[in-house]
Amino acid sequence: MSRPTFPISHILILLEVRILAREAYERTLQLLTEKKELTAQLAAKLLEKEVIQREDVIDVLGERPFKDDDPPPPDLSAQPATAL
C-alpha cells in the first residue's frame, strides 16, 4: 500500500520536474550550439545515405572519448537538485 501524498508534495514534485526539464533543455541547447558544425555534417550524411551506420557516425564525430567496454561518463541528471 502506498503512502498518501499531500497537495504540497505534488507541487514540490512538479517544481522539481520543471527544474530538471529546464536544465536538460539548456544543456541540450548549449551542446547543439557548440557542436553546430558537427550536427550539420551528420545531417548531411543522413540526407546523403538516409541510413547511417556506426562507422559513418565515427567518420563525422570521431572516436568516442571512452572505449565501448568502459563505463559511460557519469549521468549529469544524477546531480543533486537545485534548491527551491
N, C-alpha and C. Protein backbone atom coordinates (compact mmCIF):
# COMPACT_ATOMS: atom_id res chain seq x y z
N MET A 1 0.85 -1.17 0.00
CA MET A 1 0.00 0.00 0.00
C MET A 1 0.90 1.24 0.00
N SER A 2 0.63 2.16 -0.88
CA SER A 2 1.46 3.35 -0.96
C SER A 2 0.97 4.41 0.02
N ARG A 3 1.91 5.25 0.38
CA ARG A 3 1.57 6.33 1.31
C ARG A 3 0.82 7.41 0.55
N PRO A 4 -0.13 8.03 1.21
CA PRO A 4 -0.84 9.12 0.55
C PRO A 4 0.09 10.33 0.39
N THR A 5 -0.06 11.03 -0.71
CA THR A 5 0.71 12.26 -0.89
C THR A 5 -0.21 13.44 -0.70
N PHE A 6 0.35 14.50 -0.23
CA PHE A 6 -0.43 15.69 0.06
C PHE A 6 -0.22 16.72 -1.05
N PRO A 7 -1.12 17.65 -1.20
CA PRO A 7 -1.01 18.64 -2.27
C PRO A 7 0.35 19.34 -2.33
N ILE A 8 0.94 19.64 -1.18
CA ILE A 8 2.24 20.31 -1.19
C ILE A 8 3.30 19.40 -1.81
N SER A 9 3.18 18.10 -1.58
CA SER A 9 4.10 17.14 -2.18
C SER A 9 4.00 17.17 -3.70
N HIS A 10 2.78 17.26 -4.20
CA HIS A 10 2.56 17.33 -5.64
C HIS A 10 3.20 18.58 -6.22
N ILE A 11 3.04 19.69 -5.53
CA ILE A 11 3.62 20.95 -6.00
C ILE A 11 5.14 20.87 -6.03
N LEU A 12 5.74 20.32 -4.98
CA LEU A 12 7.19 20.19 -4.92
C LEU A 12 7.71 19.27 -6.02
N ILE A 13 6.99 18.19 -6.26
CA ILE A 13 7.39 17.27 -7.33
C ILE A 13 7.30 17.96 -8.68
N LEU A 14 6.22 18.66 -8.94
CA LEU A 14 6.07 19.38 -10.20
C LEU A 14 7.16 20.43 -10.39
N LEU A 15 7.49 21.15 -9.33
CA LEU A 15 8.56 22.15 -9.41
C LEU A 15 9.90 21.49 -9.72
N GLU A 16 10.17 20.38 -9.08
CA GLU A 16 11.43 19.67 -9.31
C GLU A 16 11.50 19.16 -10.75
N VAL A 17 10.41 18.62 -11.25
CA VAL A 17 10.37 18.14 -12.64
C VAL A 17 10.61 19.30 -13.60
N ARG A 18 9.99 20.43 -13.32
CA ARG A 18 10.17 21.62 -14.17
C ARG A 18 11.63 22.06 -14.19
N ILE A 19 12.28 22.05 -13.03
CA ILE A 19 13.69 22.43 -12.94
C ILE A 19 14.55 21.46 -13.74
N LEU A 20 14.31 20.17 -13.56
CA LEU A 20 15.09 19.16 -14.28
C LEU A 20 14.90 19.28 -15.80
N ALA A 21 13.68 19.50 -16.22
CA ALA A 21 13.40 19.64 -17.65
C ALA A 21 14.09 20.88 -18.22
N ARG A 22 14.02 21.99 -17.49
CA ARG A 22 14.66 23.22 -17.96
C ARG A 22 16.18 23.05 -18.05
N GLU A 23 16.78 22.43 -17.05
CA GLU A 23 18.23 22.20 -17.07
C GLU A 23 18.63 21.29 -18.22
N ALA A 24 17.85 20.25 -18.47
CA ALA A 24 18.15 19.34 -19.58
C ALA A 24 18.02 20.07 -20.90
N TYR A 25 17.01 20.90 -21.05
CA TYR A 25 16.83 21.68 -22.28
C TYR A 25 18.01 22.62 -22.49
N GLU A 26 18.42 23.31 -21.44
CA GLU A 26 19.53 24.26 -21.55
C GLU A 26 20.84 23.55 -21.90
N ARG A 27 21.10 22.39 -21.28
CA ARG A 27 22.31 21.61 -21.61
C ARG A 27 22.28 21.14 -23.05
N THR A 28 21.12 20.69 -23.50
CA THR A 28 20.98 20.21 -24.88
C THR A 28 21.18 21.34 -25.87
N LEU A 29 20.56 22.48 -25.61
CA LEU A 29 20.71 23.63 -26.49
C LEU A 29 22.16 24.09 -26.56
N GLN A 30 22.83 24.13 -25.41
CA GLN A 30 24.24 24.53 -25.36
C GLN A 30 25.10 23.55 -26.17
N LEU A 31 24.86 22.26 -26.00
CA LEU A 31 25.64 21.25 -26.71
C LEU A 31 25.41 21.35 -28.21
N LEU A 32 24.16 21.50 -28.63
CA LEU A 32 23.87 21.63 -30.06
C LEU A 32 24.47 22.91 -30.65
N THR A 33 24.48 23.97 -29.88
CA THR A 33 25.08 25.22 -30.34
C THR A 33 26.59 25.07 -30.48
N GLU A 34 27.21 24.46 -29.48
CA GLU A 34 28.66 24.26 -29.52
C GLU A 34 29.07 23.32 -30.66
N LYS A 35 28.25 22.33 -30.94
CA LYS A 35 28.57 21.31 -31.94
C LYS A 35 27.78 21.51 -33.23
N LYS A 36 27.43 22.76 -33.53
CA LYS A 36 26.57 23.05 -34.68
C LYS A 36 27.16 22.51 -35.99
N GLU A 37 28.45 22.68 -36.20
CA GLU A 37 29.08 22.23 -37.43
C GLU A 37 29.02 20.70 -37.54
N LEU A 38 29.30 20.00 -36.43
CA LEU A 38 29.23 18.53 -36.46
C LEU A 38 27.80 18.06 -36.70
N THR A 39 26.84 18.77 -36.10
CA THR A 39 25.44 18.41 -36.32
C THR A 39 25.06 18.58 -37.79
N ALA A 40 25.54 19.66 -38.42
CA ALA A 40 25.26 19.89 -39.83
C ALA A 40 25.90 18.80 -40.70
N GLN A 41 27.12 18.39 -40.35
CA GLN A 41 27.80 17.33 -41.10
C GLN A 41 27.06 16.00 -40.97
N LEU A 42 26.59 15.71 -39.77
CA LEU A 42 25.84 14.47 -39.55
C LEU A 42 24.51 14.51 -40.30
N ALA A 43 23.85 15.66 -40.32
CA ALA A 43 22.60 15.81 -41.07
C ALA A 43 22.84 15.61 -42.56
N ALA A 44 23.95 16.16 -43.07
CA ALA A 44 24.28 15.99 -44.49
C ALA A 44 24.51 14.52 -44.82
N LYS A 45 25.18 13.81 -43.92
CA LYS A 45 25.42 12.38 -44.12
C LYS A 45 24.11 11.61 -44.15
N LEU A 46 23.18 11.98 -43.28
CA LEU A 46 21.86 11.34 -43.26
C LEU A 46 21.08 11.63 -44.54
N LEU A 47 21.16 12.85 -45.03
CA LEU A 47 20.47 13.19 -46.28
C LEU A 47 21.07 12.41 -47.46
N GLU A 48 22.38 12.23 -47.41
CA GLU A 48 23.07 11.51 -48.48
C GLU A 48 22.72 10.03 -48.48
N LYS A 49 22.73 9.41 -47.29
CA LYS A 49 22.59 7.95 -47.20
C LYS A 49 21.22 7.48 -46.72
N GLU A 50 20.47 8.33 -46.07
CA GLU A 50 19.19 8.01 -45.43
C GLU A 50 19.35 7.14 -44.19
N VAL A 51 20.23 6.16 -44.24
CA VAL A 51 20.52 5.31 -43.08
C VAL A 51 22.02 5.32 -42.88
N ILE A 52 22.46 5.61 -41.68
CA ILE A 52 23.90 5.61 -41.42
C ILE A 52 24.24 4.57 -40.37
N GLN A 53 25.44 4.09 -40.45
CA GLN A 53 25.94 3.08 -39.53
C GLN A 53 26.89 3.72 -38.53
N ARG A 54 27.31 2.95 -37.58
CA ARG A 54 28.23 3.42 -36.54
C ARG A 54 29.49 4.03 -37.16
N GLU A 55 30.02 3.39 -38.20
CA GLU A 55 31.24 3.86 -38.84
C GLU A 55 31.03 5.25 -39.45
N ASP A 56 29.83 5.50 -39.99
CA ASP A 56 29.52 6.81 -40.55
C ASP A 56 29.53 7.89 -39.46
N VAL A 57 28.98 7.54 -38.32
CA VAL A 57 28.96 8.49 -37.20
C VAL A 57 30.38 8.77 -36.73
N ILE A 58 31.20 7.73 -36.66
CA ILE A 58 32.60 7.90 -36.24
C ILE A 58 33.35 8.76 -37.25
N ASP A 59 33.06 8.58 -38.54
CA ASP A 59 33.70 9.40 -39.56
C ASP A 59 33.42 10.89 -39.34
N VAL A 60 32.21 11.20 -38.92
CA VAL A 60 31.82 12.60 -38.72
C VAL A 60 32.26 13.12 -37.35
N LEU A 61 31.94 12.37 -36.31
CA LEU A 61 32.17 12.85 -34.95
C LEU A 61 33.52 12.46 -34.36
N GLY A 62 34.16 11.46 -34.94
CA GLY A 62 35.40 10.95 -34.38
C GLY A 62 35.14 9.83 -33.39
N GLU A 63 36.22 9.26 -32.93
CA GLU A 63 36.11 8.17 -31.95
C GLU A 63 35.51 8.69 -30.65
N ARG A 64 34.89 7.79 -29.94
CA ARG A 64 34.34 8.14 -28.63
C ARG A 64 35.48 8.47 -27.67
N PRO A 65 35.22 9.32 -26.70
CA PRO A 65 36.26 9.66 -25.73
C PRO A 65 36.51 8.54 -24.72
N PHE A 66 35.72 7.47 -24.79
CA PHE A 66 35.89 6.32 -23.91
C PHE A 66 35.70 5.06 -24.74
N LYS A 67 36.26 3.95 -24.29
CA LYS A 67 36.13 2.68 -25.00
C LYS A 67 34.73 2.12 -24.79
N ASP A 68 34.30 1.26 -25.72
CA ASP A 68 32.96 0.67 -25.60
C ASP A 68 32.79 -0.14 -24.33
N ASP A 69 33.87 -0.78 -23.86
CA ASP A 69 33.73 -1.59 -22.64
C ASP A 69 33.94 -0.77 -21.38
N ASP A 70 34.33 0.50 -21.52
CA ASP A 70 34.43 1.39 -20.37
C ASP A 70 33.04 1.86 -19.99
N PRO A 71 32.84 2.16 -18.73
CA PRO A 71 31.53 2.72 -18.37
C PRO A 71 31.38 4.10 -19.00
N PRO A 72 30.16 4.47 -19.35
CA PRO A 72 29.95 5.79 -19.94
C PRO A 72 30.23 6.89 -18.92
N PRO A 73 30.37 8.11 -19.37
CA PRO A 73 30.59 9.21 -18.42
C PRO A 73 29.44 9.28 -17.43
N PRO A 74 29.66 9.90 -16.28
CA PRO A 74 28.59 9.98 -15.27
C PRO A 74 27.37 10.69 -15.82
N ASP A 75 26.22 10.25 -15.35
CA ASP A 75 24.95 10.83 -15.76
C ASP A 75 24.77 12.16 -15.04
N LEU A 76 24.67 13.25 -15.82
CA LEU A 76 24.52 14.57 -15.22
C LEU A 76 23.22 14.73 -14.47
N SER A 77 22.22 13.93 -14.83
CA SER A 77 20.92 14.05 -14.15
C SER A 77 20.99 13.51 -12.73
N ALA A 78 22.08 12.81 -12.39
CA ALA A 78 22.22 12.26 -11.06
C ALA A 78 22.73 13.31 -10.06
N GLN A 79 23.02 14.52 -10.55
CA GLN A 79 23.48 15.57 -9.67
C GLN A 79 22.36 16.00 -8.74
N PRO A 80 22.73 16.48 -7.56
CA PRO A 80 21.67 16.93 -6.64
C PRO A 80 20.85 18.05 -7.27
N ALA A 81 19.61 18.05 -6.94
CA ALA A 81 18.69 19.05 -7.50
C ALA A 81 19.00 20.42 -6.93
N THR A 82 18.69 21.44 -7.71
CA THR A 82 18.86 22.81 -7.29
C THR A 82 17.84 23.12 -6.19
N ALA A 83 18.28 23.86 -5.21
CA ALA A 83 17.37 24.21 -4.12
C ALA A 83 16.24 25.10 -4.63
N LEU A 84 15.09 24.91 -4.06
CA LEU A 84 13.91 25.69 -4.48
C LEU A 84 13.90 27.03 -3.84
